N, C-alpha and C. Protein backbone atom coordinates (compact mmCIF):
# COMPACT_ATOMS: atom_id res chain seq x y z
N UNK A 1 0.72 -1.17 0.03
CA UNK A 1 -0.20 0.06 -0.02
C UNK A 1 0.99 1.19 -0.35
N UNK A 2 1.77 1.43 0.69
CA UNK A 2 2.74 2.35 0.82
C UNK A 2 3.42 2.77 -0.48
N UNK A 3 3.94 1.76 -0.99
CA UNK A 3 4.48 1.67 -2.42
C UNK A 3 3.62 2.43 -3.38
N UNK A 4 2.21 2.14 -3.39
CA UNK A 4 1.39 2.81 -4.41
C UNK A 4 1.25 4.07 -4.17
N UNK A 5 1.09 4.37 -2.81
CA UNK A 5 1.10 5.87 -2.45
C UNK A 5 2.33 6.68 -2.77
N UNK A 6 3.58 6.11 -2.61
CA UNK A 6 4.50 6.93 -3.03
C UNK A 6 4.65 6.94 -4.55
N UNK A 7 4.16 6.18 -5.19
CA UNK A 7 4.19 6.04 -6.77
C UNK A 7 3.28 7.19 -7.17
N UNK A 8 2.14 7.44 -6.65
CA UNK A 8 1.26 8.52 -6.63
C UNK A 8 1.75 9.72 -6.43
N UNK A 9 2.63 10.20 -5.50
CA UNK A 9 2.99 11.10 -5.12
C UNK A 9 4.40 11.68 -6.14
N UNK A 10 5.03 10.84 -6.36
CA UNK A 10 6.00 10.58 -7.22
C UNK A 10 5.72 11.18 -8.62
N UNK A 11 4.59 10.88 -8.75
CA UNK A 11 3.90 11.29 -10.30
C UNK A 11 3.34 12.47 -9.96
N UNK A 12 2.79 12.85 -9.11
CA UNK A 12 2.52 14.15 -8.79
C UNK A 12 3.48 15.18 -8.99
N UNK A 13 4.67 14.88 -8.52
CA UNK A 13 5.64 15.86 -8.65
C UNK A 13 6.51 15.78 -9.90
N UNK A 14 6.60 14.74 -10.40
CA UNK A 14 7.00 14.81 -11.82
C UNK A 14 6.03 15.81 -12.65
N UNK A 15 4.70 15.36 -12.51
CA UNK A 15 3.88 16.06 -13.38
C UNK A 15 4.12 17.77 -13.00
N UNK A 16 3.97 18.14 -11.70
CA UNK A 16 4.27 19.64 -11.42
C UNK A 16 5.59 19.95 -12.06
N UNK A 17 6.45 19.14 -11.90
CA UNK A 17 7.96 19.55 -12.72
C UNK A 17 7.62 20.13 -14.14
N UNK A 18 7.11 18.91 -15.00
CA UNK A 18 6.84 19.13 -16.37
C UNK A 18 5.85 20.45 -16.64
N UNK A 19 4.93 20.75 -15.84
CA UNK A 19 4.05 21.86 -15.62
C UNK A 19 5.08 23.13 -15.86
N UNK A 20 5.99 23.21 -14.68
CA UNK A 20 6.84 24.09 -14.45
C UNK A 20 7.89 24.56 -15.69
N UNK A 21 8.22 23.56 -16.33
CA UNK A 21 9.10 23.64 -17.64
C UNK A 21 8.11 24.24 -18.73
N UNK A 22 6.91 23.56 -18.85
CA UNK A 22 6.23 24.04 -19.88
C UNK A 22 5.70 25.52 -19.49
N UNK A 23 5.86 26.28 -18.62
CA UNK A 23 5.60 27.77 -18.38
C UNK A 23 4.31 27.92 -17.81
N UNK A 24 3.58 26.73 -17.12
CA UNK A 24 2.30 26.80 -16.47
C UNK A 24 2.27 27.56 -15.03
N UNK A 25 1.26 28.29 -14.79
CA UNK A 25 1.10 28.89 -13.54
C UNK A 25 1.01 27.87 -12.45
N UNK A 26 1.30 28.30 -10.99
CA UNK A 26 1.27 27.22 -10.14
C UNK A 26 -0.23 27.14 -9.78
N UNK A 27 -1.27 28.09 -10.06
CA UNK A 27 -2.50 27.86 -9.88
C UNK A 27 -3.32 26.88 -10.65
N UNK A 28 -2.62 26.51 -11.90
CA UNK A 28 -3.06 25.23 -12.44
C UNK A 28 -3.09 23.81 -12.04
N UNK A 29 -2.59 23.81 -10.63
CA UNK A 29 -2.39 22.56 -10.08
C UNK A 29 -3.71 21.76 -10.01
N UNK A 30 -3.70 20.55 -10.90
CA UNK A 30 -4.92 19.84 -10.72
C UNK A 30 -5.40 18.68 -9.54
N UNK A 31 -4.32 19.12 -8.82
CA UNK A 31 -4.71 18.25 -7.47
C UNK A 31 -5.27 19.00 -6.17
N UNK A 32 -6.36 17.89 -5.79
CA UNK A 32 -7.18 18.71 -4.65
C UNK A 32 -6.77 18.12 -3.31
N UNK A 33 -5.91 16.72 -3.04
CA UNK A 33 -5.47 16.13 -2.09
C UNK A 33 -4.43 17.08 -1.60
N UNK A 34 -4.08 17.37 -0.44
CA UNK A 34 -3.23 18.25 0.00
C UNK A 34 -1.94 17.43 -0.13
N UNK A 35 -1.46 16.26 -0.01
CA UNK A 35 -0.26 15.54 -0.33
C UNK A 35 0.11 15.85 -1.73
N UNK A 36 -0.78 15.28 -2.21
CA UNK A 36 -0.47 15.33 -3.79
C UNK A 36 -0.21 16.96 -4.33
N UNK A 37 -1.07 17.60 -3.95
CA UNK A 37 -0.77 19.17 -4.27
C UNK A 37 0.48 19.76 -3.86
N UNK A 38 0.96 19.22 -2.69
CA UNK A 38 2.06 19.76 -1.92
C UNK A 38 3.33 19.39 -2.99
N UNK A 39 3.15 17.89 -3.30
CA UNK A 39 4.47 17.47 -4.36
C UNK A 39 4.18 18.17 -5.46
N UNK A 40 3.33 18.33 -6.19
CA UNK A 40 3.21 18.99 -7.68
C UNK A 40 3.62 20.38 -7.44
N UNK A 41 3.52 21.24 -6.42
CA UNK A 41 3.98 22.31 -6.13
C UNK A 41 5.62 22.35 -5.76
N UNK A 42 5.94 21.02 -5.25
CA UNK A 42 7.37 21.08 -5.11
C UNK A 42 7.87 20.93 -6.42
N UNK A 43 7.44 20.01 -7.27
CA UNK A 43 8.02 19.94 -8.65
C UNK A 43 7.97 20.97 -9.61
N UNK A 44 6.86 21.98 -9.34
CA UNK A 44 6.69 22.81 -10.20
C UNK A 44 7.82 24.12 -9.56
N UNK A 45 8.16 24.05 -8.26
CA UNK A 45 9.21 25.08 -7.72
C UNK A 45 10.60 24.61 -8.27
N UNK A 46 10.97 23.24 -8.04
CA UNK A 46 12.03 22.81 -8.89
C UNK A 46 12.36 23.17 -10.26
N UNK A 47 11.27 23.13 -10.95
CA UNK A 47 11.24 23.36 -12.50
C UNK A 47 11.77 24.70 -12.45
N UNK A 48 10.88 25.63 -11.82
CA UNK A 48 11.21 27.05 -12.06
C UNK A 48 12.61 27.55 -11.62
N UNK A 49 13.04 26.90 -10.79
CA UNK A 49 14.45 27.08 -10.26
C UNK A 49 15.39 26.61 -11.34
N UNK A 50 15.21 25.63 -11.83
CA UNK A 50 16.07 25.02 -12.89
C UNK A 50 16.01 26.09 -14.21
N UNK A 51 14.70 26.35 -14.64
CA UNK A 51 15.00 27.32 -15.53
C UNK A 51 15.35 28.61 -15.40
N UNK A 52 15.50 29.19 -14.27
CA UNK A 52 16.03 30.34 -13.69
C UNK A 52 17.58 30.17 -13.89
N UNK A 53 18.10 28.92 -13.62
CA UNK A 53 19.51 28.94 -13.45
C UNK A 53 20.13 28.53 -15.06
N UNK A 54 19.12 28.43 -15.87
CA UNK A 54 19.26 28.20 -17.32
C UNK A 54 19.66 26.72 -17.70
N UNK A 55 19.06 25.94 -16.90
CA UNK A 55 19.24 24.44 -17.28
C UNK A 55 18.35 23.88 -18.28
N UNK A 56 17.00 24.76 -18.29
CA UNK A 56 16.28 24.68 -19.56
C UNK A 56 15.74 25.82 -20.12
N UNK A 57 15.57 25.84 -21.45
CA UNK A 57 15.05 27.33 -22.15
C UNK A 57 13.78 26.94 -22.48
């Protein structure tokens, strides 16, 4: 059960990262669950940070 939960949260983080790279706003987070939303926003912040460092264009 924990493995499945971890996979969902990992997927939320990955989706947030991809959204950040794509230039989406953080208000466009599709998750309602607090844990998943937190992971999505964390991924989004990581992507924005990476873009600002010049790792992606």
